[in-house]
Amino acid sequence: MRAGLRTAVLAVAFTVLAATPAMASGGYVALGDSYSAGSGLFPLAKNPAVTDFCAQSTRNYPKLVRRALGFPAFTDETCGGARTVDMLAPQTLLGTASGVTGGAARGPFDLRQNGPQFNALRPDTALVTLGIGGNDIGFAEIIGRCISVVPTGTKCRNHFVLDGDDAIRARIDGLRPLLLGVLQGIRERSPNARIVTIGYPRILPPNPRQCWPQLPVTGNDAVWLEGIQRYLNQAIRETTVAFGAEYADVERASLGHDACQRAASRRWVEPAIPAGSLAIVHPSARGEQGMADAMLAVLERSGTG
């Protein structure tokens, strides 16, 4: 974000904060997965709340929001690989791997990764941000299945769509009650908190057929994937609004900043050969800033109390 715009955003945030001091004193808790943790962006955060296995960055959007709003009390529980189940149960390395491979979630040599993320919630928590859902629908599995060494074909869509039944859309439909349960759990533990969920920034542009080999996905599969991501963000938004919480629309904000952009300075999400992050198909520092700006826009719209 340009220096002048960033200054303006911070000035508005400071004004809002000054008008509602109770929010800062109540504290801020950030929950979520790798897109919220900033996994792939160095340096890693020295955060006693999580282990290094979470790959939590010092430059993720929750920390940017915290700095903008000046919360003295702040807990960042975001962790790479997190799913909705990890809000209530400890996240472990084998548990995270099971979300990719479908294997056993526990074992005798399993290592704790994080959580339960809900442990950070308090009755006086004033703000909770939440970015979750991608791992519940098998984000890593989808990426692995869709990579193609040739630019034509529909091997990815053919794997997930059988006889007209789209398995990934069905998973997204199944995510809705899981996300609702998370929102209810937050409200029960922090009854006065302002809850804001965030969607996922665009990986693909509205017309993604020419993205290969920047992202090695065939044109037809890319069209299907772009629709899947919009459907996921729609599910998060609709569930959030139906519950009575607020939604930060980073999909709209990231238009023109997808992983297919050739210029690294325009991308918010990194392609197969990343330049701004070590994690492919994950936000760059610009992407985390864009997510922070989307979150701040919601918080500033009607105050932070």
C-alpha atoms as a PDB file:
ATOM      1  CA  MET A   1       0.000   0.000   0.000  1.00  0.00           C
ATOM      2  CA  ARG A   2       1.334   3.473  -0.814  1.00  0.00           C
ATOM      3  CA  ALA A   3       2.751   5.441   2.116  1.00  0.00           C
ATOM      4  CA  GLY A   4       0.091   8.151   1.921  1.00  0.00           C
ATOM      5  CA  LEU A   5      -2.778   5.672   1.928  1.00  0.00           C
ATOM      6  CA  ARG A   6      -1.242   3.688   4.772  1.00  0.00           C
ATOM      7  CA  THR A   7      -0.873   6.878   6.797  1.00  0.00           C
ATOM      8  CA  ALA A   8      -4.529   7.709   6.165  1.00  0.00           C
ATOM      9  CA  VAL A   9      -5.631   4.216   7.225  1.00  0.00           C
ATOM     10  CA  LEU A  10      -3.608   4.409  10.418  1.00  0.00           C
ATOM     11  CA  ALA A  11      -4.953   7.879  11.162  1.00  0.00           C
ATOM     12  CA  VAL A  12      -8.554   6.681  10.808  1.00  0.00           C
ATOM     13  CA  ALA A  13      -7.780   3.634  12.944  1.00  0.00           C
ATOM     14  CA  PHE A  14      -6.282   5.850  15.649  1.00  0.00           C
ATOM     15  CA  THR A  15      -9.332   8.108  15.595  1.00  0.00           C
ATOM     16  CA  VAL A  16     -11.675   5.137  15.954  1.00  0.00           C
ATOM     17  CA  LEU A  17      -9.551   3.665  18.729  1.00  0.00           C
ATOM     18  CA  ALA A  18      -9.541   6.943  20.629  1.00  0.00           C
ATOM     19  CA  ALA A  19     -13.331   7.031  20.411  1.00  0.00           C
ATOM     20  CA  THR A  20     -13.694   3.465  21.740  1.00  0.00           C
ATOM     21  CA  PRO A  21     -10.936   2.797  24.307  1.00  0.00           C
ATOM     22  CA  ALA A  22     -12.770  -0.213  25.726  1.00  0.00           C
ATOM     23  CA  MET A  23     -11.899  -2.272  22.708  1.00  0.00           C
ATOM     24  CA  ALA A  24      -8.146  -1.926  23.130  1.00  0.00           C
ATOM     25  CA  SER A  25      -8.341  -2.724  26.826  1.00  0.00           C
ATOM     26  CA  GLY A  26     -10.478  -5.775  26.142  1.00  0.00           C
ATOM     27  CA  GLY A  27      -7.912  -7.441  23.910  1.00  0.00           C
ATOM     28  CA  TYR A  28      -7.692  -8.972  20.459  1.00  0.00           C
ATOM     29  CA  VAL A  29      -7.484 -12.691  19.604  1.00  0.00           C
ATOM     30  CA  ALA A  30      -6.603 -13.870  16.087  1.00  0.00           C
ATOM     31  CA  LEU A  31      -7.673 -17.369  14.996  1.00  0.00           C
ATOM     32  CA  GLY A  32      -7.012 -19.092  11.696  1.00  0.00           C
ATOM     33  CA  ASP A  33      -4.911 -21.096   9.266  1.00  0.00           C
ATOM     34  CA  SER A  34      -1.781 -20.497   7.148  1.00  0.00           C
ATOM     35  CA  TYR A  35      -3.272 -17.587   5.189  1.00  0.00           C
ATOM     36  CA  SER A  36      -3.850 -15.817   8.505  1.00  0.00           C
ATOM     37  CA  ALA A  37      -0.561 -17.016  10.005  1.00  0.00           C
ATOM     38  CA  GLY A  38       1.422 -15.728   7.022  1.00  0.00           C
ATOM     39  CA  SER A  39       3.123 -19.097   6.604  1.00  0.00           C
ATOM     40  CA  GLY A  40       6.062 -18.815   4.233  1.00  0.00           C
ATOM     41  CA  LEU A  41       6.879 -15.228   5.197  1.00  0.00           C
ATOM     42  CA  PHE A  42      10.031 -14.725   7.217  1.00  0.00           C
ATOM     43  CA  PRO A  43      11.024 -13.909   9.864  1.00  0.00           C
ATOM     44  CA  LEU A  44       8.997 -16.297  11.985  1.00  0.00           C
ATOM     45  CA  ALA A  45       7.271 -14.806  15.001  1.00  0.00           C
ATOM     46  CA  LYS A  46       8.656 -15.537  18.449  1.00  0.00           C
ATOM     47  CA  ASN A  47       5.245 -16.350  19.843  1.00  0.00           C
ATOM     48  CA  PRO A  48       4.907 -18.387  23.058  1.00  0.00           C
ATOM     49  CA  ALA A  49       1.287 -19.174  22.122  1.00  0.00           C
ATOM     50  CA  VAL A  50       2.311 -21.444  19.199  1.00  0.00           C
ATOM     51  CA  THR A  51       5.213 -23.647  18.115  1.00  0.00           C
ATOM     52  CA  ASP A  52       7.517 -22.963  15.174  1.00  0.00           C
ATOM     53  CA  PHE A  53       5.670 -25.725  13.298  1.00  0.00           C
ATOM     54  CA  CYS A  54       2.839 -23.221  12.788  1.00  0.00           C
ATOM     55  CA  ALA A  55       5.175 -21.110  10.608  1.00  0.00           C
ATOM     56  CA  GLN A  56       3.605 -17.945  11.963  1.00  0.00           C
ATOM     57  CA  SER A  57       5.098 -14.779  10.501  1.00  0.00           C
ATOM     58  CA  THR A  58       5.903 -11.446  12.111  1.00  0.00           C
ATOM     59  CA  ARG A  59       4.238  -9.901   9.028  1.00  0.00           C
ATOM     60  CA  ASN A  60       0.840 -11.616   9.049  1.00  0.00           C
ATOM     61  CA  TYR A  61      -2.372  -9.595   8.859  1.00  0.00           C
ATOM     62  CA  PRO A  62      -3.377 -10.030  12.542  1.00  0.00           C
ATOM     63  CA  LYS A  63      -0.148  -8.389  13.677  1.00  0.00           C
ATOM     64  CA  LEU A  64      -0.642  -5.577  11.174  1.00  0.00           C
ATOM     65  CA  VAL A  65      -4.172  -5.029  12.482  1.00  0.00           C
ATOM     66  CA  ARG A  66      -2.934  -5.117  16.069  1.00  0.00           C
ATOM     67  CA  ARG A  67      -0.302  -2.462  15.300  1.00  0.00           C
ATOM     68  CA  ALA A  68      -2.827  -0.255  13.520  1.00  0.00           C
ATOM     69  CA  LEU A  69      -5.347  -0.392  16.359  1.00  0.00           C
ATOM     70  CA  GLY A  70      -2.876  -0.401  19.246  1.00  0.00           C
ATOM     71  CA  PHE A  71      -4.163  -3.355  21.259  1.00  0.00           C
ATOM     72  CA  PRO A  72      -1.992  -3.860  24.349  1.00  0.00           C
ATOM     73  CA  ALA A  73      -3.530  -7.294  24.893  1.00  0.00           C
ATOM     74  CA  PHE A  74      -3.120  -9.524  21.838  1.00  0.00           C
ATOM     75  CA  THR A  75      -2.913 -13.275  21.260  1.00  0.00           C
ATOM     76  CA  ASP A  76      -2.182 -14.671  17.806  1.00  0.00           C
ATOM     77  CA  GLU A  77      -3.225 -18.329  17.649  1.00  0.00           C
ATOM     78  CA  THR A  78      -3.078 -18.628  13.840  1.00  0.00           C
ATOM     79  CA  CYS A  79      -1.304 -21.756  12.608  1.00  0.00           C
ATOM     80  CA  GLY A  80      -0.484 -23.306   9.262  1.00  0.00           C
ATOM     81  CA  GLY A  81      -2.673 -26.302   8.479  1.00  0.00           C
ATOM     82  CA  ALA A  82      -5.399 -25.385  10.963  1.00  0.00           C
ATOM     83  CA  ARG A  83      -8.943 -26.632  10.473  1.00  0.00           C
ATOM     84  CA  THR A  84     -12.166 -25.881  12.291  1.00  0.00           C
ATOM     85  CA  VAL A  85     -11.579 -28.894  14.569  1.00  0.00           C
ATOM     86  CA  ASP A  86      -8.390 -27.226  15.827  1.00  0.00           C
ATOM     87  CA  MET A  87     -10.391 -24.514  17.532  1.00  0.00           C
ATOM     88  CA  LEU A  88     -11.437 -26.992  20.231  1.00  0.00           C
ATOM     89  CA  ALA A  89      -8.699 -29.638  20.116  1.00  0.00           C
ATOM     90  CA  PRO A  90      -4.900 -29.460  20.040  1.00  0.00           C
ATOM     91  CA  GLN A  91      -3.492 -29.265  16.534  1.00  0.00           C
ATOM     92  CA  THR A  92      -0.760 -31.849  15.998  1.00  0.00           C
ATOM     93  CA  LEU A  93       1.600 -32.563  13.129  1.00  0.00           C
ATOM     94  CA  LEU A  94      -0.050 -35.875  12.274  1.00  0.00           C
ATOM     95  CA  GLY A  95      -3.443 -34.253  12.603  1.00  0.00           C
ATOM     96  CA  THR A  96      -2.380 -31.593  10.120  1.00  0.00           C
ATOM     97  CA  ALA A  97      -0.967 -34.258   7.792  1.00  0.00           C
ATOM     98  CA  SER A  98      -4.273 -36.155   7.923  1.00  0.00           C
ATOM     99  CA  GLY A  99      -5.927 -33.151   6.332  1.00  0.00           C
ATOM    100  CA  VAL A 100      -3.621 -33.621   3.349  1.00  0.00           C
ATOM    101  CA  THR A 101      -3.358 -37.400   3.093  1.00  0.00           C
ATOM    102  CA  GLY A 102      -6.516 -38.661   4.763  1.00  0.00           C
ATOM    103  CA  GLY A 103      -4.318 -40.745   7.066  1.00  0.00           C
ATOM    104  CA  ALA A 104      -4.510 -41.309  10.799  1.00  0.00           C
ATOM    105  CA  ALA A 105      -4.814 -38.119  12.803  1.00  0.00           C
ATOM    106  CA  ARG A 106      -2.936 -39.414  15.865  1.00  0.00           C
ATOM    107  CA  GLY A 107       0.055 -41.583  16.621  1.00  0.00           C
ATOM    108  CA  PRO A 108       2.455 -42.477  19.463  1.00  0.00           C
ATOM    109  CA  PHE A 109       5.075 -39.970  18.293  1.00  0.00           C
ATOM    110  CA  ASP A 110       2.740 -37.161  17.346  1.00  0.00           C
ATOM    111  CA  LEU A 111       3.954 -33.645  18.118  1.00  0.00           C
ATOM    112  CA  ARG A 112       1.782 -30.804  19.335  1.00  0.00           C
ATOM    113  CA  GLN A 113       1.626 -27.936  16.858  1.00  0.00           C
ATOM    114  CA  ASN A 114      -0.805 -25.520  18.457  1.00  0.00           C
ATOM    115  CA  GLY A 115      -4.011 -24.949  20.302  1.00  0.00           C
ATOM    116  CA  PRO A 116      -6.730 -25.509  20.984  1.00  0.00           C
ATOM    117  CA  GLN A 117      -7.035 -22.032  19.502  1.00  0.00           C
ATOM    118  CA  PHE A 118     -10.110 -21.299  21.612  1.00  0.00           C
ATOM    119  CA  ASN A 119      -7.878 -21.395  24.712  1.00  0.00           C
ATOM    120  CA  ALA A 120      -6.960 -17.770  23.980  1.00  0.00           C
ATOM    121  CA  LEU A 121     -10.554 -16.509  24.224  1.00  0.00           C
ATOM    122  CA  ARG A 122     -11.580 -14.644  27.369  1.00  0.00           C
ATOM    123  CA  PRO A 123     -14.898 -13.207  28.610  1.00  0.00           C
ATOM    124  CA  ASP A 124     -13.519  -9.677  28.126  1.00  0.00           C
ATOM    125  CA  THR A 125     -12.039 -10.264  24.653  1.00  0.00           C
ATOM    126  CA  ALA A 126     -13.120  -7.325  22.502  1.00  0.00           C
ATOM    127  CA  LEU A 127     -12.132  -8.438  18.984  1.00  0.00           C
ATOM    128  CA  VAL A 128     -11.800 -11.855  17.362  1.00  0.00           C
ATOM    129  CA  THR A 129     -10.699 -12.277  13.756  1.00  0.00           C
ATOM    130  CA  LEU A 130     -11.067 -15.638  12.038  1.00  0.00           C
ATOM    131  CA  GLY A 131      -9.715 -17.015   8.766  1.00  0.00           C
ATOM    132  CA  ILE A 132     -10.538 -20.714   8.385  1.00  0.00           C
ATOM    133  CA  GLY A 133     -12.058 -23.230   5.987  1.00  0.00           C
ATOM    134  CA  GLY A 134      -9.529 -23.915   3.238  1.00  0.00           C
ATOM    135  CA  ASN A 135      -7.982 -26.918   4.980  1.00  0.00           C
ATOM    136  CA  ASP A 136     -11.386 -28.317   5.872  1.00  0.00           C
ATOM    137  CA  ILE A 137     -12.118 -28.716   2.162  1.00  0.00           C
ATOM    138  CA  GLY A 138      -8.667 -30.203   1.390  1.00  0.00           C
ATOM    139  CA  PHE A 139      -6.705 -27.205   0.078  1.00  0.00           C
ATOM    140  CA  ALA A 140      -3.386 -29.077  -0.166  1.00  0.00           C
ATOM    141  CA  GLU A 141      -5.029 -32.118  -1.763  1.00  0.00           C
ATOM    142  CA  ILE A 142      -6.736 -29.939  -4.383  1.00  0.00           C
ATOM    143  CA  ILE A 143      -3.483 -28.160  -5.278  1.00  0.00           C
ATOM    144  CA  GLY A 144      -1.639 -31.484  -5.556  1.00  0.00           C
ATOM    145  CA  ARG A 145      -4.306 -33.021  -7.789  1.00  0.00           C
ATOM    146  CA  CYS A 146      -4.572 -29.992 -10.049  1.00  0.00           C
ATOM    147  CA  ILE A 147      -0.901 -29.457 -10.915  1.00  0.00           C
ATOM    148  CA  SER A 148      -0.334 -30.325 -14.577  1.00  0.00           C
ATOM    149  CA  VAL A 149       2.844 -30.522 -16.684  1.00  0.00           C
ATOM    150  CA  VAL A 150       0.798 -29.729 -19.796  1.00  0.00           C
ATOM    151  CA  PRO A 151      -1.572 -26.770 -20.361  1.00  0.00           C
ATOM    152  CA  THR A 152      -4.562 -28.780 -21.630  1.00  0.00           C
ATOM    153  CA  GLY A 153      -7.032 -31.265 -20.197  1.00  0.00           C
ATOM    154  CA  THR A 154      -9.354 -31.528 -17.201  1.00  0.00           C
ATOM    155  CA  LYS A 155      -7.685 -34.132 -15.001  1.00  0.00           C
ATOM    156  CA  CYS A 156      -8.340 -32.132 -11.853  1.00  0.00           C
ATOM    157  CA  ARG A 157     -12.016 -31.456 -12.468  1.00  0.00           C
ATOM    158  CA  ASN A 158     -12.488 -35.043 -13.666  1.00  0.00           C
ATOM    159  CA  HIS A 159     -11.087 -36.332 -10.373  1.00  0.00           C
ATOM    160  CA  PHE A 160     -13.388 -34.256  -8.173  1.00  0.00           C
ATOM    161  CA  VAL A 161     -16.526 -34.059 -10.344  1.00  0.00           C
ATOM    162  CA  LEU A 162     -18.100 -37.448 -11.042  1.00  0.00           C
ATOM    163  CA  ASP A 163     -21.445 -37.890 -12.809  1.00  0.00           C
ATOM    164  CA  GLY A 164     -22.176 -34.216 -12.211  1.00  0.00           C
ATOM    165  CA  ASP A 165     -21.523 -34.411  -8.470  1.00  0.00           C
ATOM    166  CA  ASP A 166     -18.823 -31.945  -7.400  1.00  0.00           C
ATOM    167  CA  ALA A 167     -17.044 -33.355  -4.336  1.00  0.00           C
ATOM    168  CA  ILE A 168     -15.380 -30.061  -3.439  1.00  0.00           C
ATOM    169  CA  ARG A 169     -18.618 -28.076  -3.575  1.00  0.00           C
ATOM    170  CA  ALA A 170     -20.114 -30.749  -1.323  1.00  0.00           C
ATOM    171  CA  ARG A 171     -17.217 -30.265   1.106  1.00  0.00           C
ATOM    172  CA  ILE A 172     -17.855 -26.522   1.083  1.00  0.00           C
ATOM    173  CA  ASP A 173     -21.530 -27.143   1.846  1.00  0.00           C
ATOM    174  CA  GLY A 174     -20.343 -29.309   4.747  1.00  0.00           C
ATOM    175  CA  LEU A 175     -18.103 -26.494   5.949  1.00  0.00           C
ATOM    176  CA  ARG A 176     -21.062 -24.202   6.643  1.00  0.00           C
ATOM    177  CA  PRO A 177     -22.258 -25.970   9.854  1.00  0.00           C
ATOM    178  CA  LEU A 178     -18.649 -26.385  11.002  1.00  0.00           C
ATOM    179  CA  LEU A 179     -17.999 -22.670  10.605  1.00  0.00           C
ATOM    180  CA  LEU A 180     -21.283 -21.868  12.332  1.00  0.00           C
ATOM    181  CA  GLY A 181     -20.161 -24.031  15.250  1.00  0.00           C
ATOM    182  CA  VAL A 182     -16.877 -22.090  15.455  1.00  0.00           C
ATOM    183  CA  LEU A 183     -18.720 -18.771  15.504  1.00  0.00           C
ATOM    184  CA  GLN A 184     -21.053 -20.014  18.213  1.00  0.00           C
ATOM    185  CA  GLY A 185     -18.069 -21.224  20.226  1.00  0.00           C
ATOM    186  CA  ILE A 186     -16.444 -17.799  20.007  1.00  0.00           C
ATOM    187  CA  ARG A 187     -19.646 -16.079  21.116  1.00  0.00           C
ATOM    188  CA  GLU A 188     -20.044 -18.437  24.092  1.00  0.00           C
ATOM    189  CA  ARG A 189     -16.491 -17.777  25.308  1.00  0.00           C
ATOM    190  CA  SER A 190     -16.300 -14.076  24.450  1.00  0.00           C
ATOM    191  CA  PRO A 191     -19.896 -12.800  24.555  1.00  0.00           C
ATOM    192  CA  ASN A 192     -19.023  -9.136  24.017  1.00  0.00           C
ATOM    193  CA  ALA A 193     -16.425  -9.591  21.292  1.00  0.00           C
ATOM    194  CA  ARG A 194     -16.723  -8.170  17.826  1.00  0.00           C
ATOM    195  CA  ILE A 195     -16.235 -11.130  15.457  1.00  0.00           C
ATOM    196  CA  VAL A 196     -14.903 -10.580  11.950  1.00  0.00           C
ATOM    197  CA  THR A 197     -14.202 -13.428   9.529  1.00  0.00           C
ATOM    198  CA  ILE A 198     -12.110 -13.037   6.415  1.00  0.00           C
ATOM    199  CA  GLY A 199     -12.249 -14.833   3.087  1.00  0.00           C
ATOM    200  CA  TYR A 200      -9.332 -15.881   0.914  1.00  0.00           C
ATOM    201  CA  PRO A 201      -7.582 -13.568  -1.556  1.00  0.00           C
ATOM    202  CA  ARG A 202      -7.881 -14.448  -5.212  1.00  0.00           C
ATOM    203  CA  ILE A 203      -5.557 -17.195  -6.408  1.00  0.00           C
ATOM    204  CA  LEU A 204      -6.881 -16.943  -9.967  1.00  0.00           C
ATOM    205  CA  PRO A 205      -8.303 -14.057 -12.016  1.00  0.00           C
ATOM    206  CA  PRO A 206     -11.908 -14.090 -13.276  1.00  0.00           C
ATOM    207  CA  ASN A 207     -10.667 -15.440 -16.646  1.00  0.00           C
ATOM    208  CA  PRO A 208      -7.781 -17.738 -15.666  1.00  0.00           C
ATOM    209  CA  ARG A 209      -7.236 -19.769 -18.857  1.00  0.00           C
ATOM    210  CA  GLN A 210      -3.877 -18.151 -19.649  1.00  0.00           C
ATOM    211  CA  CYS A 211      -2.262 -18.699 -16.250  1.00  0.00           C
ATOM    212  CA  TRP A 212      -0.201 -21.810 -17.105  1.00  0.00           C
ATOM    213  CA  PRO A 213       2.771 -22.200 -16.424  1.00  0.00           C
ATOM    214  CA  GLN A 214       2.760 -19.372 -13.862  1.00  0.00           C
ATOM    215  CA  LEU A 215       0.383 -21.673 -12.060  1.00  0.00           C
ATOM    216  CA  PRO A 216       0.724 -25.128 -13.654  1.00  0.00           C
ATOM    217  CA  VAL A 217      -3.012 -25.786 -13.919  1.00  0.00           C
ATOM    218  CA  THR A 218      -4.741 -26.362 -17.239  1.00  0.00           C
ATOM    219  CA  GLY A 219      -7.071 -23.671 -18.562  1.00  0.00           C
ATOM    220  CA  ASN A 220     -10.260 -25.676 -18.091  1.00  0.00           C
ATOM    221  CA  ASP A 221      -9.249 -26.815 -14.610  1.00  0.00           C
ATOM    222  CA  ALA A 222      -8.361 -23.230 -13.706  1.00  0.00           C
ATOM    223  CA  VAL A 223     -11.875 -22.094 -14.648  1.00  0.00           C
ATOM    224  CA  TRP A 224     -13.316 -24.777 -12.357  1.00  0.00           C
ATOM    225  CA  LEU A 225     -10.921 -23.860  -9.529  1.00  0.00           C
ATOM    226  CA  GLU A 226     -11.745 -20.162  -9.775  1.00  0.00           C
ATOM    227  CA  GLY A 227     -15.412 -21.027  -9.305  1.00  0.00           C
ATOM    228  CA  ILE A 228     -14.558 -23.246  -6.345  1.00  0.00           C
ATOM    229  CA  GLN A 229     -12.742 -20.425  -4.566  1.00  0.00           C
ATOM    230  CA  ARG A 230     -15.636 -18.030  -5.124  1.00  0.00           C
ATOM    231  CA  TYR A 231     -18.021 -20.672  -3.772  1.00  0.00           C
ATOM    232  CA  LEU A 232     -15.830 -21.101  -0.669  1.00  0.00           C
ATOM    233  CA  ASN A 233     -15.736 -17.369   0.018  1.00  0.00           C
ATOM    234  CA  GLN A 234     -19.487 -17.190  -0.556  1.00  0.00           C
ATOM    235  CA  ALA A 235     -20.042 -19.918   2.043  1.00  0.00           C
ATOM    236  CA  ILE A 236     -17.853 -18.124   4.585  1.00  0.00           C
ATOM    237  CA  ARG A 237     -19.578 -14.803   3.933  1.00  0.00           C
ATOM    238  CA  GLU A 238     -23.131 -16.152   4.056  1.00  0.00           C
ATOM    239  CA  THR A 239     -22.539 -18.206   7.192  1.00  0.00           C
ATOM    240  CA  THR A 240     -20.885 -15.249   8.906  1.00  0.00           C
ATOM    241  CA  VAL A 241     -23.658 -12.797   8.041  1.00  0.00           C
ATOM    242  CA  ALA A 242     -26.404 -15.282   8.976  1.00  0.00           C
ATOM    243  CA  PHE A 243     -24.782 -15.702  12.389  1.00  0.00           C
ATOM    244  CA  GLY A 244     -24.648 -11.949  12.912  1.00  0.00           C
ATOM    245  CA  ALA A 245     -20.893 -11.440  12.661  1.00  0.00           C
ATOM    246  CA  GLU A 246     -18.970  -9.365  10.097  1.00  0.00           C
ATOM    247  CA  TYR A 247     -17.080 -10.387   6.973  1.00  0.00           C
ATOM    248  CA  ALA A 248     -13.954  -8.864   5.411  1.00  0.00           C
ATOM    249  CA  ASP A 249     -14.185  -9.263   1.629  1.00  0.00           C
ATOM    250  CA  VAL A 250     -10.583  -9.767   0.553  1.00  0.00           C
ATOM    251  CA  GLU A 251     -11.678 -11.530  -2.659  1.00  0.00           C
ATOM    252  CA  ARG A 252     -12.970  -8.241  -4.056  1.00  0.00           C
ATOM    253  CA  ALA A 253      -9.975  -6.291  -2.731  1.00  0.00           C
ATOM    254  CA  SER A 254      -7.507  -8.707  -4.347  1.00  0.00           C
ATOM    255  CA  LEU A 255      -8.964  -8.443  -7.859  1.00  0.00           C
ATOM    256  CA  GLY A 256      -5.981  -7.897 -10.153  1.00  0.00           C
ATOM    257  CA  HIS A 257      -3.536  -9.174  -7.533  1.00  0.00           C
ATOM    258  CA  ASP A 258      -3.866 -12.933  -8.119  1.00  0.00           C
ATOM    259  CA  ALA A 259      -1.048 -15.462  -8.525  1.00  0.00           C
ATOM    260  CA  CYS A 260      -1.240 -15.214 -12.322  1.00  0.00           C
ATOM    261  CA  GLN A 261       0.098 -11.660 -12.317  1.00  0.00           C
ATOM    262  CA  ARG A 262       3.556 -11.682 -13.887  1.00  0.00           C
ATOM    263  CA  ALA A 263       4.854  -8.740 -11.843  1.00  0.00           C
ATOM    264  CA  ALA A 264       5.703  -9.745  -8.284  1.00  0.00           C
ATOM    265  CA  SER A 265       4.886  -6.198  -7.207  1.00  0.00           C
ATOM    266  CA  ARG A 266       1.219  -6.777  -8.162  1.00  0.00           C
ATOM    267  CA  ARG A 267       0.735 -10.239  -6.664  1.00  0.00           C
ATOM    268  CA  TRP A 268      -0.886 -10.871  -3.314  1.00  0.00           C
ATOM    269  CA  VAL A 269      -0.663 -14.656  -3.748  1.00  0.00           C
ATOM    270  CA  GLU A 270       2.477 -16.417  -4.918  1.00  0.00           C
ATOM    271  CA  PRO A 271       2.633 -18.723  -7.997  1.00  0.00           C
ATOM    272  CA  ALA A 272       4.551 -21.975  -8.507  1.00  0.00           C
ATOM    273  CA  ILE A 273       7.881 -20.129  -8.374  1.00  0.00           C
ATOM    274  CA  PRO A 274       7.366 -17.669  -5.529  1.00  0.00           C
ATOM    275  CA  ALA A 275       9.208 -14.392  -5.176  1.00  0.00           C
ATOM    276  CA  GLY A 276       7.645 -12.889  -2.056  1.00  0.00           C
ATOM    277  CA  SER A 277       7.138 -15.990   0.099  1.00  0.00           C
ATOM    278  CA  LEU A 278       8.549 -19.481   0.503  1.00  0.00           C
ATOM    279  CA  ALA A 279       5.058 -20.987   0.342  1.00  0.00           C
ATOM    280  CA  ILE A 280       3.495 -21.437  -3.083  1.00  0.00           C
ATOM    281  CA  VAL A 281      -0.154 -20.407  -3.503  1.00  0.00           C
ATOM    282  CA  HIS A 282       0.037 -18.425  -0.265  1.00  0.00           C
ATOM    283  CA  PRO A 283       0.001 -14.697   0.443  1.00  0.00           C
ATOM    284  CA  SER A 284       3.070 -12.551  -0.027  1.00  0.00           C
ATOM    285  CA  ALA A 285       3.785  -9.658   2.337  1.00  0.00           C
ATOM    286  CA  ARG A 286       1.665  -7.531  -0.016  1.00  0.00           C
ATOM    287  CA  GLY A 287      -1.131 -10.050   0.353  1.00  0.00           C
ATOM    288  CA  GLU A 288      -0.989  -9.969   4.144  1.00  0.00           C
ATOM    289  CA  GLN A 289      -1.077  -6.162   3.987  1.00  0.00           C
ATOM    290  CA  GLY A 290      -4.066  -6.362   1.656  1.00  0.00           C
ATOM    291  CA  MET A 291      -5.837  -8.690   4.080  1.00  0.00           C
ATOM    292  CA  ALA A 292      -5.069  -6.311   6.939  1.00  0.00           C
ATOM    293  CA  ASP A 293      -6.458  -3.389   4.938  1.00  0.00           C
ATOM    294  CA  ALA A 294      -9.659  -5.353   4.207  1.00  0.00           C
ATOM    295  CA  MET A 295     -10.032  -6.145   7.908  1.00  0.00           C
ATOM    296  CA  LEU A 296      -9.362  -2.548   8.956  1.00  0.00           C
ATOM    297  CA  ALA A 297     -11.932  -1.305   6.438  1.00  0.00           C
ATOM    298  CA  VAL A 298     -14.586  -3.396   8.211  1.00  0.00           C
ATOM    299  CA  LEU A 299     -13.467  -2.343  11.671  1.00  0.00           C
ATOM    300  CA  GLU A 300     -13.462   1.326  10.735  1.00  0.00           C
ATOM    301  CA  ARG A 301     -16.857   1.213   9.016  1.00  0.00           C
ATOM    302  CA  SER A 302     -18.891   1.240  12.220  1.00  0.00           C
ATOM    303  CA  GLY A 303     -16.366   1.710  14.971  1.00  0.00           C
ATOM    304  CA  THR A 304     -14.464  -0.861  16.983  1.00  0.00           C
ATOM    305  CA  GLY A 305     -16.594  -1.112  20.098  1.00  0.00           C
END
